[in-house]
Amino acid sequence: MPSAEHSGSLRTAGRRRRFDRQTIEELIDGKVTWPTLHEMLSTFKDPDRFDQVIEILQSRMPYPDQILLPFAFHLNVVQTADGRRIIKSDCGFEFGDYRENWKEQALVYVRNTAETIREIYPNFMGADPAWQEYREYYCPSCGTQLEVETVPPWYPPVHSFIPDLETFYQEWLGRPLPTMPADSSD
């Protein structure tokens, strides 16, 4: 049976603490402290946390396109002014339709020799280039590294996932997926 002190902590574990904008920005930037991160992960989320994250990310982007979903570090699913839903990097590079594999539009550096693998791993600590290669994906516009994957040499670029935007908005957020306003140029 838990002690009275422990029981008290169980009772408070379900309480919501609203995190301020600065803390959410620290979370996005990977600078939040471990105790705060632990609290954010182990307690109920703020009902508007997603909106807070979108607002912060949107304020940082050099483009006006509406962010629908953060996709990965430095990548977002956005809705463009002409109604397309695409993956876009922080600098504004358009990778194409969000349902397609963005990696096919990225710059790729392949580490597939012992020499290139040793640039990042000590001898005998990296993959055997006969069995695996490291692929580093970069934004063609700004050069930001977006992802690294380790795969057999013949393997196609891994398509991590295709977000179901409609289900996410309707069933998780409880609201319709944003659509483009009617054309007002008439």
N, C-alpha and C. Protein backbone atom coordinates (compact mmCIF):
# COMPACT_ATOMS: atom_id res chain seq x y z
N MET A 1 0.85 -1.18 0.00
CA MET A 1 0.00 0.00 0.00
C MET A 1 0.89 1.24 0.00
N PRO A 2 0.58 2.24 -0.85
CA PRO A 2 1.41 3.43 -0.88
C PRO A 2 1.32 4.23 0.41
N SER A 3 2.40 4.91 0.73
CA SER A 3 2.40 5.77 1.91
C SER A 3 1.48 6.96 1.69
N ALA A 4 1.15 7.66 2.75
CA ALA A 4 0.29 8.84 2.63
C ALA A 4 0.94 9.88 1.74
N GLU A 5 2.27 10.02 1.90
CA GLU A 5 2.97 11.00 1.07
C GLU A 5 2.87 10.61 -0.41
N HIS A 6 3.06 9.32 -0.68
CA HIS A 6 2.99 8.83 -2.05
C HIS A 6 1.56 8.97 -2.59
N SER A 7 0.57 8.67 -1.76
CA SER A 7 -0.83 8.80 -2.21
C SER A 7 -1.14 10.23 -2.59
N GLY A 8 -0.59 11.17 -1.82
CA GLY A 8 -0.83 12.57 -2.14
C GLY A 8 -0.26 12.93 -3.51
N SER A 9 0.92 12.37 -3.84
CA SER A 9 1.49 12.68 -5.14
C SER A 9 0.67 12.04 -6.24
N LEU A 10 0.05 10.90 -5.97
CA LEU A 10 -0.81 10.29 -6.97
C LEU A 10 -2.04 11.16 -7.23
N ARG A 11 -2.57 11.74 -6.18
CA ARG A 11 -3.76 12.59 -6.35
C ARG A 11 -3.44 13.84 -7.17
N THR A 12 -2.25 14.37 -7.03
CA THR A 12 -1.91 15.59 -7.75
C THR A 12 -1.39 15.32 -9.15
N ALA A 13 -1.07 14.05 -9.45
CA ALA A 13 -0.48 13.73 -10.75
C ALA A 13 -1.41 14.06 -11.90
N GLY A 14 -2.72 13.98 -11.69
CA GLY A 14 -3.66 14.24 -12.76
C GLY A 14 -3.98 15.70 -12.98
N ARG A 15 -3.54 16.57 -12.10
CA ARG A 15 -3.83 18.00 -12.26
C ARG A 15 -3.10 18.56 -13.47
N ARG A 16 -3.75 19.50 -14.10
CA ARG A 16 -3.13 20.16 -15.25
C ARG A 16 -2.40 21.40 -14.80
N ARG A 17 -1.22 21.55 -15.31
CA ARG A 17 -0.48 22.79 -15.13
C ARG A 17 -0.35 23.41 -16.50
N ARG A 18 -0.75 24.63 -16.63
CA ARG A 18 -0.65 25.30 -17.91
C ARG A 18 0.77 25.83 -18.06
N PHE A 19 1.40 25.50 -19.17
CA PHE A 19 2.77 25.96 -19.41
C PHE A 19 2.72 27.23 -20.24
N ASP A 20 3.58 28.16 -19.89
CA ASP A 20 3.60 29.45 -20.59
C ASP A 20 4.31 29.34 -21.93
N ARG A 21 4.22 30.39 -22.71
CA ARG A 21 4.80 30.40 -24.06
C ARG A 21 6.30 30.12 -24.03
N GLN A 22 7.01 30.71 -23.07
CA GLN A 22 8.46 30.52 -22.99
C GLN A 22 8.80 29.04 -22.80
N THR A 23 8.06 28.34 -21.96
CA THR A 23 8.32 26.92 -21.72
C THR A 23 8.03 26.10 -22.98
N ILE A 24 6.96 26.44 -23.69
CA ILE A 24 6.63 25.73 -24.93
C ILE A 24 7.73 26.00 -25.97
N GLU A 25 8.24 27.23 -26.03
CA GLU A 25 9.34 27.53 -26.95
C GLU A 25 10.59 26.73 -26.58
N GLU A 26 10.88 26.62 -25.29
CA GLU A 26 12.02 25.82 -24.85
C GLU A 26 11.82 24.35 -25.24
N LEU A 27 10.60 23.87 -25.15
CA LEU A 27 10.29 22.50 -25.58
C LEU A 27 10.58 22.33 -27.07
N ILE A 28 10.09 23.24 -27.88
CA ILE A 28 10.29 23.17 -29.33
C ILE A 28 11.78 23.23 -29.67
N ASP A 29 12.51 24.06 -28.96
CA ASP A 29 13.94 24.25 -29.24
C ASP A 29 14.83 23.20 -28.59
N GLY A 30 14.25 22.27 -27.83
CA GLY A 30 15.03 21.23 -27.16
C GLY A 30 15.83 21.77 -25.99
N LYS A 31 15.36 22.84 -25.38
CA LYS A 31 16.10 23.46 -24.28
C LYS A 31 15.38 23.39 -22.94
N VAL A 32 14.24 22.72 -22.91
CA VAL A 32 13.49 22.61 -21.67
C VAL A 32 14.26 21.72 -20.70
N THR A 33 14.19 22.02 -19.42
CA THR A 33 14.92 21.23 -18.42
C THR A 33 14.28 19.85 -18.28
N TRP A 34 15.08 18.88 -17.83
CA TRP A 34 14.56 17.52 -17.67
C TRP A 34 13.36 17.47 -16.72
N PRO A 35 13.39 18.11 -15.55
CA PRO A 35 12.21 18.04 -14.68
C PRO A 35 10.95 18.60 -15.35
N THR A 36 11.10 19.68 -16.08
CA THR A 36 9.94 20.25 -16.77
C THR A 36 9.47 19.33 -17.87
N LEU A 37 10.41 18.77 -18.64
CA LEU A 37 10.03 17.83 -19.70
C LEU A 37 9.31 16.62 -19.11
N HIS A 38 9.83 16.10 -18.02
CA HIS A 38 9.19 14.95 -17.37
C HIS A 38 7.77 15.31 -16.96
N GLU A 39 7.59 16.48 -16.39
CA GLU A 39 6.25 16.91 -15.99
C GLU A 39 5.34 17.05 -17.20
N MET A 40 5.86 17.62 -18.30
CA MET A 40 5.06 17.79 -19.50
C MET A 40 4.63 16.45 -20.09
N LEU A 41 5.52 15.45 -20.02
CA LEU A 41 5.22 14.14 -20.57
C LEU A 41 4.28 13.32 -19.70
N SER A 42 4.35 13.51 -18.39
CA SER A 42 3.64 12.61 -17.49
C SER A 42 2.33 13.17 -16.94
N THR A 43 1.97 14.36 -17.32
CA THR A 43 0.69 14.92 -16.87
C THR A 43 -0.21 15.17 -18.07
N PHE A 44 -1.47 15.46 -17.78
CA PHE A 44 -2.40 15.77 -18.85
C PHE A 44 -1.91 16.99 -19.62
N LYS A 45 -2.15 16.98 -20.91
CA LYS A 45 -1.70 18.08 -21.76
C LYS A 45 -2.69 19.25 -21.69
N ASP A 46 -2.16 20.44 -21.87
CA ASP A 46 -3.03 21.61 -21.98
C ASP A 46 -3.94 21.40 -23.18
N PRO A 47 -5.21 21.72 -23.06
CA PRO A 47 -6.11 21.51 -24.20
C PRO A 47 -5.69 22.30 -25.44
N ASP A 48 -4.98 23.38 -25.24
CA ASP A 48 -4.59 24.21 -26.39
C ASP A 48 -3.09 24.11 -26.71
N ARG A 49 -2.42 23.06 -26.21
CA ARG A 49 -0.97 22.92 -26.44
C ARG A 49 -0.65 22.87 -27.94
N PHE A 50 -1.43 22.11 -28.71
CA PHE A 50 -1.20 22.02 -30.15
C PHE A 50 -1.29 23.41 -30.77
N ASP A 51 -2.30 24.18 -30.39
CA ASP A 51 -2.45 25.53 -30.94
C ASP A 51 -1.30 26.43 -30.53
N GLN A 52 -0.80 26.26 -29.30
CA GLN A 52 0.35 27.03 -28.85
C GLN A 52 1.58 26.72 -29.72
N VAL A 53 1.80 25.43 -29.96
CA VAL A 53 2.96 25.03 -30.76
C VAL A 53 2.83 25.59 -32.18
N ILE A 54 1.66 25.46 -32.77
CA ILE A 54 1.44 25.98 -34.13
C ILE A 54 1.67 27.49 -34.16
N GLU A 55 1.15 28.20 -33.19
CA GLU A 55 1.32 29.65 -33.14
C GLU A 55 2.80 30.04 -33.07
N ILE A 56 3.55 29.34 -32.23
CA ILE A 56 4.99 29.64 -32.09
C ILE A 56 5.72 29.32 -33.39
N LEU A 57 5.47 28.14 -33.95
CA LEU A 57 6.13 27.78 -35.20
C LEU A 57 5.77 28.76 -36.31
N GLN A 58 4.49 29.10 -36.41
CA GLN A 58 4.04 30.01 -37.46
C GLN A 58 4.74 31.37 -37.34
N SER A 59 4.92 31.84 -36.11
CA SER A 59 5.57 33.15 -35.91
C SER A 59 7.03 33.13 -36.33
N ARG A 60 7.64 31.97 -36.42
CA ARG A 60 9.05 31.84 -36.77
C ARG A 60 9.29 31.63 -38.26
N MET A 61 8.25 31.32 -39.00
CA MET A 61 8.42 30.98 -40.41
C MET A 61 8.48 32.22 -41.30
N PRO A 62 9.31 32.16 -42.34
CA PRO A 62 9.43 33.29 -43.26
C PRO A 62 8.32 33.30 -44.31
N TYR A 63 7.41 32.35 -44.24
CA TYR A 63 6.34 32.24 -45.22
C TYR A 63 4.98 32.37 -44.54
N PRO A 64 3.96 32.82 -45.29
CA PRO A 64 2.64 33.00 -44.71
C PRO A 64 1.76 31.74 -44.72
N ASP A 65 2.21 30.68 -45.40
CA ASP A 65 1.39 29.47 -45.50
C ASP A 65 1.03 28.95 -44.13
N GLN A 66 -0.21 28.50 -43.99
CA GLN A 66 -0.73 28.03 -42.71
C GLN A 66 -0.16 26.66 -42.36
N ILE A 67 0.48 26.56 -41.20
CA ILE A 67 0.99 25.28 -40.74
C ILE A 67 -0.20 24.47 -40.23
N LEU A 68 -0.35 23.28 -40.79
CA LEU A 68 -1.40 22.37 -40.35
C LEU A 68 -0.89 21.37 -39.32
N LEU A 69 0.40 20.99 -39.46
CA LEU A 69 0.96 19.96 -38.59
C LEU A 69 2.48 20.03 -38.62
N PRO A 70 3.14 20.09 -37.46
CA PRO A 70 4.59 19.92 -37.46
C PRO A 70 4.87 18.48 -37.90
N PHE A 71 5.72 18.29 -38.90
CA PHE A 71 5.94 16.97 -39.48
C PHE A 71 7.20 16.31 -38.91
N ALA A 72 8.26 17.07 -38.79
CA ALA A 72 9.54 16.60 -38.24
C ALA A 72 10.34 17.86 -37.92
N PHE A 73 11.52 17.70 -37.33
CA PHE A 73 12.34 18.89 -37.07
C PHE A 73 12.57 19.62 -38.38
N HIS A 74 12.24 20.88 -38.41
CA HIS A 74 12.44 21.78 -39.55
C HIS A 74 11.52 21.48 -40.73
N LEU A 75 10.50 20.64 -40.55
CA LEU A 75 9.54 20.35 -41.62
C LEU A 75 8.12 20.46 -41.08
N ASN A 76 7.26 21.07 -41.88
CA ASN A 76 5.85 21.21 -41.51
C ASN A 76 4.96 20.85 -42.67
N VAL A 77 3.76 20.35 -42.37
CA VAL A 77 2.73 20.22 -43.39
C VAL A 77 2.00 21.55 -43.37
N VAL A 78 1.96 22.21 -44.53
CA VAL A 78 1.32 23.53 -44.63
C VAL A 78 0.26 23.50 -45.71
N GLN A 79 -0.62 24.48 -45.61
CA GLN A 79 -1.60 24.71 -46.66
C GLN A 79 -1.21 26.01 -47.35
N THR A 80 -0.96 25.93 -48.65
CA THR A 80 -0.52 27.10 -49.40
C THR A 80 -1.71 27.97 -49.78
N ALA A 81 -1.42 29.15 -50.27
CA ALA A 81 -2.47 30.09 -50.66
C ALA A 81 -3.36 29.51 -51.76
N ASP A 82 -2.80 28.64 -52.59
CA ASP A 82 -3.61 28.04 -53.67
C ASP A 82 -4.27 26.73 -53.24
N GLY A 83 -4.22 26.40 -51.94
CA GLY A 83 -4.93 25.25 -51.41
C GLY A 83 -4.18 23.94 -51.39
N ARG A 84 -2.92 23.93 -51.85
CA ARG A 84 -2.15 22.69 -51.81
C ARG A 84 -1.71 22.41 -50.38
N ARG A 85 -1.62 21.15 -50.04
CA ARG A 85 -1.09 20.72 -48.75
C ARG A 85 0.23 20.04 -49.02
N ILE A 86 1.29 20.68 -48.56
CA ILE A 86 2.64 20.23 -48.90
C ILE A 86 3.52 20.19 -47.65
N ILE A 87 4.67 19.56 -47.81
CA ILE A 87 5.70 19.60 -46.77
C ILE A 87 6.66 20.72 -47.13
N LYS A 88 6.91 21.56 -46.15
CA LYS A 88 7.74 22.74 -46.38
C LYS A 88 8.78 22.83 -45.26
N SER A 89 10.00 23.20 -45.62
CA SER A 89 11.05 23.35 -44.61
C SER A 89 10.93 24.73 -43.95
N ASP A 90 11.65 24.89 -42.86
CA ASP A 90 11.63 26.16 -42.14
C ASP A 90 12.01 27.34 -43.03
N CYS A 91 12.92 27.11 -43.98
CA CYS A 91 13.36 28.22 -44.84
C CYS A 91 12.37 28.50 -45.97
N GLY A 92 11.39 27.61 -46.16
CA GLY A 92 10.38 27.83 -47.19
C GLY A 92 10.49 26.92 -48.39
N PHE A 93 11.47 26.01 -48.42
CA PHE A 93 11.59 25.10 -49.55
C PHE A 93 10.40 24.16 -49.58
N GLU A 94 9.81 23.98 -50.74
CA GLU A 94 8.65 23.11 -50.91
C GLU A 94 9.08 21.73 -51.38
N PHE A 95 8.79 20.71 -50.55
CA PHE A 95 9.14 19.34 -50.87
C PHE A 95 8.03 18.62 -51.64
N GLY A 96 6.89 19.22 -51.76
CA GLY A 96 5.79 18.62 -52.50
C GLY A 96 4.69 18.10 -51.61
N ASP A 97 3.73 17.42 -52.23
CA ASP A 97 2.54 16.90 -51.57
C ASP A 97 2.92 16.14 -50.30
N TYR A 98 2.18 16.38 -49.23
CA TYR A 98 2.50 15.78 -47.93
C TYR A 98 2.34 14.26 -47.91
N ARG A 99 1.65 13.72 -48.90
CA ARG A 99 1.45 12.27 -48.95
C ARG A 99 2.59 11.56 -49.70
N GLU A 100 3.45 12.34 -50.32
CA GLU A 100 4.60 11.78 -51.05
C GLU A 100 5.83 11.81 -50.15
N ASN A 101 6.83 11.04 -50.49
CA ASN A 101 8.05 10.96 -49.68
C ASN A 101 8.93 12.19 -49.95
N TRP A 102 8.98 13.09 -48.99
CA TRP A 102 9.74 14.33 -49.13
C TRP A 102 11.22 14.08 -49.40
N LYS A 103 11.74 12.94 -48.95
CA LYS A 103 13.17 12.65 -49.10
C LYS A 103 13.60 12.59 -50.56
N GLU A 104 12.67 12.30 -51.45
CA GLU A 104 13.00 12.22 -52.87
C GLU A 104 13.30 13.60 -53.47
N GLN A 105 12.99 14.66 -52.74
CA GLN A 105 13.30 16.02 -53.18
C GLN A 105 14.48 16.63 -52.42
N ALA A 106 15.00 15.90 -51.45
CA ALA A 106 16.08 16.42 -50.61
C ALA A 106 17.44 16.14 -51.24
N LEU A 107 18.43 16.87 -50.77
CA LEU A 107 19.82 16.54 -51.09
C LEU A 107 20.21 15.39 -50.17
N VAL A 108 20.97 14.44 -50.70
CA VAL A 108 21.32 13.25 -49.93
C VAL A 108 22.84 13.06 -49.97
N TYR A 109 23.42 12.89 -48.80
CA TYR A 109 24.81 12.50 -48.71
C TYR A 109 24.82 11.07 -48.18
N VAL A 110 25.44 10.16 -48.93
CA VAL A 110 25.44 8.75 -48.56
C VAL A 110 26.83 8.38 -48.04
N ARG A 111 26.85 7.86 -46.84
CA ARG A 111 28.09 7.33 -46.25
C ARG A 111 28.07 5.82 -46.49
N ASN A 112 28.83 5.38 -47.49
CA ASN A 112 28.81 3.96 -47.85
C ASN A 112 30.20 3.38 -48.05
N THR A 113 31.18 4.04 -47.44
CA THR A 113 32.54 3.52 -47.44
C THR A 113 33.06 3.54 -46.01
N ALA A 114 34.04 2.71 -45.73
CA ALA A 114 34.62 2.69 -44.38
C ALA A 114 35.16 4.08 -44.01
N GLU A 115 35.73 4.77 -44.99
CA GLU A 115 36.32 6.09 -44.72
C GLU A 115 35.24 7.11 -44.32
N THR A 116 34.14 7.16 -45.05
CA THR A 116 33.10 8.16 -44.73
C THR A 116 32.38 7.80 -43.44
N ILE A 117 32.24 6.52 -43.17
CA ILE A 117 31.59 6.10 -41.91
C ILE A 117 32.49 6.43 -40.72
N ARG A 118 33.82 6.28 -40.88
CA ARG A 118 34.75 6.62 -39.79
C ARG A 118 34.79 8.11 -39.50
N GLU A 119 34.28 8.92 -40.39
CA GLU A 119 34.21 10.36 -40.10
C GLU A 119 33.27 10.64 -38.93
N ILE A 120 32.33 9.75 -38.69
CA ILE A 120 31.38 9.97 -37.59
C ILE A 120 31.44 8.89 -36.51
N TYR A 121 31.99 7.71 -36.84
CA TYR A 121 32.10 6.61 -35.88
C TYR A 121 33.54 6.14 -35.79
N PRO A 122 34.00 5.81 -34.58
CA PRO A 122 35.34 5.23 -34.46
C PRO A 122 35.40 3.89 -35.20
N ASN A 123 36.62 3.47 -35.51
CA ASN A 123 36.83 2.21 -36.21
C ASN A 123 36.10 1.07 -35.48
N PHE A 124 35.43 0.24 -36.23
CA PHE A 124 34.67 -0.92 -35.75
C PHE A 124 33.41 -0.55 -34.96
N MET A 125 33.04 0.70 -34.92
CA MET A 125 31.82 1.11 -34.21
C MET A 125 30.68 1.44 -35.17
N GLY A 126 31.00 1.69 -36.42
CA GLY A 126 29.98 2.01 -37.41
C GLY A 126 29.52 0.78 -38.16
N ALA A 127 28.61 0.99 -39.08
CA ALA A 127 28.07 -0.11 -39.87
C ALA A 127 29.10 -0.63 -40.87
N ASP A 128 28.90 -1.87 -41.27
CA ASP A 128 29.70 -2.45 -42.34
C ASP A 128 29.10 -1.97 -43.66
N PRO A 129 29.86 -1.21 -44.47
CA PRO A 129 29.29 -0.64 -45.70
C PRO A 129 28.81 -1.68 -46.70
N ALA A 130 29.21 -2.92 -46.55
CA ALA A 130 28.67 -3.97 -47.42
C ALA A 130 27.24 -4.32 -47.04
N TRP A 131 26.86 -3.98 -45.79
CA TRP A 131 25.54 -4.34 -45.29
C TRP A 131 24.63 -3.15 -45.06
N GLN A 132 25.21 -1.99 -44.72
CA GLN A 132 24.39 -0.81 -44.42
C GLN A 132 25.09 0.45 -44.90
N GLU A 133 24.27 1.45 -45.17
CA GLU A 133 24.79 2.78 -45.48
C GLU A 133 23.99 3.81 -44.69
N TYR A 134 24.63 4.94 -44.44
CA TYR A 134 23.97 6.05 -43.76
C TYR A 134 23.59 7.07 -44.82
N ARG A 135 22.34 7.50 -44.79
CA ARG A 135 21.88 8.53 -45.72
C ARG A 135 21.50 9.77 -44.91
N GLU A 136 22.15 10.86 -45.23
CA GLU A 136 21.88 12.13 -44.57
C GLU A 136 21.07 12.98 -45.54
N TYR A 137 19.91 13.43 -45.10
CA TYR A 137 19.01 14.22 -45.95
C TYR A 137 19.10 15.69 -45.55
N TYR A 138 19.26 16.56 -46.56
CA TYR A 138 19.44 17.99 -46.34
C TYR A 138 18.44 18.79 -47.15
N CYS A 139 18.08 19.96 -46.63
CA CYS A 139 17.22 20.88 -47.38
C CYS A 139 18.03 21.44 -48.55
N PRO A 140 17.50 21.35 -49.77
CA PRO A 140 18.23 21.87 -50.94
C PRO A 140 18.40 23.39 -50.93
N SER A 141 17.60 24.09 -50.15
CA SER A 141 17.66 25.54 -50.15
C SER A 141 18.63 26.09 -49.09
N CYS A 142 18.50 25.62 -47.85
CA CYS A 142 19.32 26.19 -46.78
C CYS A 142 20.40 25.26 -46.24
N GLY A 143 20.36 23.99 -46.63
CA GLY A 143 21.38 23.05 -46.20
C GLY A 143 21.18 22.46 -44.82
N THR A 144 20.06 22.71 -44.18
CA THR A 144 19.80 22.14 -42.85
C THR A 144 19.66 20.63 -42.96
N GLN A 145 20.32 19.92 -42.06
CA GLN A 145 20.16 18.47 -42.03
C GLN A 145 18.79 18.15 -41.45
N LEU A 146 18.02 17.34 -42.18
CA LEU A 146 16.65 17.05 -41.80
C LEU A 146 16.46 15.66 -41.21
N GLU A 147 17.24 14.71 -41.66
CA GLU A 147 17.10 13.34 -41.14
C GLU A 147 18.30 12.52 -41.56
N VAL A 148 18.53 11.44 -40.81
CA VAL A 148 19.54 10.45 -41.15
C VAL A 148 18.88 9.08 -41.01
N GLU A 149 19.11 8.21 -41.99
CA GLU A 149 18.61 6.85 -41.89
C GLU A 149 19.73 5.87 -42.20
N THR A 150 19.64 4.70 -41.59
CA THR A 150 20.59 3.63 -41.83
C THR A 150 19.83 2.48 -42.45
N VAL A 151 20.21 2.13 -43.67
CA VAL A 151 19.48 1.10 -44.43
C VAL A 151 20.45 0.26 -45.24
N PRO A 152 19.99 -0.91 -45.71
CA PRO A 152 20.83 -1.67 -46.65
C PRO A 152 21.07 -0.83 -47.91
N PRO A 153 22.19 -1.02 -48.59
CA PRO A 153 22.54 -0.18 -49.74
C PRO A 153 21.48 -0.12 -50.84
N TRP A 154 20.73 -1.16 -51.04
CA TRP A 154 19.75 -1.21 -52.12
C TRP A 154 18.38 -0.70 -51.72
N TYR A 155 18.19 -0.36 -50.45
CA TYR A 155 16.87 -0.03 -49.93
C TYR A 155 16.41 1.35 -50.39
N PRO A 156 15.12 1.50 -50.75
CA PRO A 156 14.63 2.83 -51.16
C PRO A 156 14.55 3.77 -49.96
N PRO A 157 14.44 5.07 -50.20
CA PRO A 157 14.28 6.01 -49.08
C PRO A 157 13.07 5.64 -48.23
N VAL A 158 13.26 5.58 -46.93
CA VAL A 158 12.18 5.20 -46.02
C VAL A 158 11.13 6.32 -45.99
N HIS A 159 9.89 5.95 -46.24
CA HIS A 159 8.78 6.89 -46.15
C HIS A 159 8.18 6.73 -44.76
N SER A 160 8.56 7.60 -43.85
CA SER A 160 8.26 7.42 -42.42
C SER A 160 6.77 7.26 -42.14
N PHE A 161 5.96 8.20 -42.61
CA PHE A 161 4.52 8.09 -42.38
C PHE A 161 3.78 9.10 -43.24
N ILE A 162 2.51 8.84 -43.41
CA ILE A 162 1.62 9.77 -44.10
C ILE A 162 0.58 10.21 -43.07
N PRO A 163 0.60 11.45 -42.67
CA PRO A 163 -0.36 11.88 -41.65
C PRO A 163 -1.78 11.88 -42.19
N ASP A 164 -2.70 11.43 -41.38
CA ASP A 164 -4.12 11.48 -41.71
C ASP A 164 -4.66 12.78 -41.11
N LEU A 165 -4.54 13.85 -41.86
CA LEU A 165 -4.88 15.18 -41.36
C LEU A 165 -6.34 15.28 -40.93
N GLU A 166 -7.24 14.73 -41.75
CA GLU A 166 -8.67 14.83 -41.44
C GLU A 166 -8.99 14.16 -40.11
N THR A 167 -8.49 12.94 -39.92
CA THR A 167 -8.76 12.22 -38.67
C THR A 167 -8.12 12.94 -37.50
N PHE A 168 -6.90 13.41 -37.66
CA PHE A 168 -6.23 14.13 -36.57
C PHE A 168 -7.05 15.33 -36.13
N TYR A 169 -7.47 16.15 -37.09
CA TYR A 169 -8.23 17.34 -36.74
C TYR A 169 -9.61 16.99 -36.18
N GLN A 170 -10.34 16.10 -36.85
CA GLN A 170 -11.70 15.81 -36.44
C GLN A 170 -11.77 15.00 -35.15
N GLU A 171 -10.97 13.94 -35.06
CA GLU A 171 -11.10 13.04 -33.92
C GLU A 171 -10.20 13.38 -32.74
N TRP A 172 -9.05 13.96 -33.00
CA TRP A 172 -8.16 14.29 -31.90
C TRP A 172 -8.34 15.72 -31.42
N LEU A 173 -8.48 16.64 -32.37
CA LEU A 173 -8.65 18.05 -31.97
C LEU A 173 -10.11 18.45 -31.84
N GLY A 174 -11.00 17.65 -32.43
CA GLY A 174 -12.43 17.94 -32.32
C GLY A 174 -12.89 19.12 -33.15
N ARG A 175 -12.24 19.33 -34.27
CA ARG A 175 -12.63 20.44 -35.15
C ARG A 175 -12.27 20.07 -36.59
N PRO A 176 -12.88 20.75 -37.55
CA PRO A 176 -12.58 20.41 -38.94
C PRO A 176 -11.19 20.88 -39.35
N LEU A 177 -10.64 20.16 -40.30
CA LEU A 177 -9.36 20.54 -40.89
C LEU A 177 -9.54 21.89 -41.58
N PRO A 178 -8.65 22.85 -41.34
CA PRO A 178 -8.79 24.15 -41.98
C PRO A 178 -8.81 24.02 -43.52
N THR A 179 -9.64 24.81 -44.11
CA THR A 179 -9.69 24.86 -45.57
C THR A 179 -9.39 26.27 -46.01
N MET A 180 -9.12 26.41 -47.27
CA MET A 180 -8.82 27.73 -47.81
C MET A 180 -10.09 28.56 -47.85
N PRO A 181 -10.00 29.84 -47.49
CA PRO A 181 -11.17 30.70 -47.63
C PRO A 181 -11.54 30.81 -49.11
N ALA A 182 -12.82 31.08 -49.36
CA ALA A 182 -13.28 31.26 -50.74
C ALA A 182 -12.48 32.33 -51.43
N ASP A 183 -12.23 32.13 -52.70
CA ASP A 183 -11.45 33.09 -53.50
C ASP A 183 -12.15 34.45 -53.47
N SER A 184 -11.47 35.44 -52.95
CA SER A 184 -12.06 36.78 -52.83
C SER A 184 -11.63 37.70 -53.95
N SER A 185 -11.02 37.16 -55.00
CA SER A 185 -10.53 38.01 -56.07
C SER A 185 -11.60 38.30 -57.13
N ASP A 186 -12.81 37.71 -56.94
CA ASP A 186 -13.88 37.92 -57.92
C ASP A 186 -14.45 39.31 -57.84
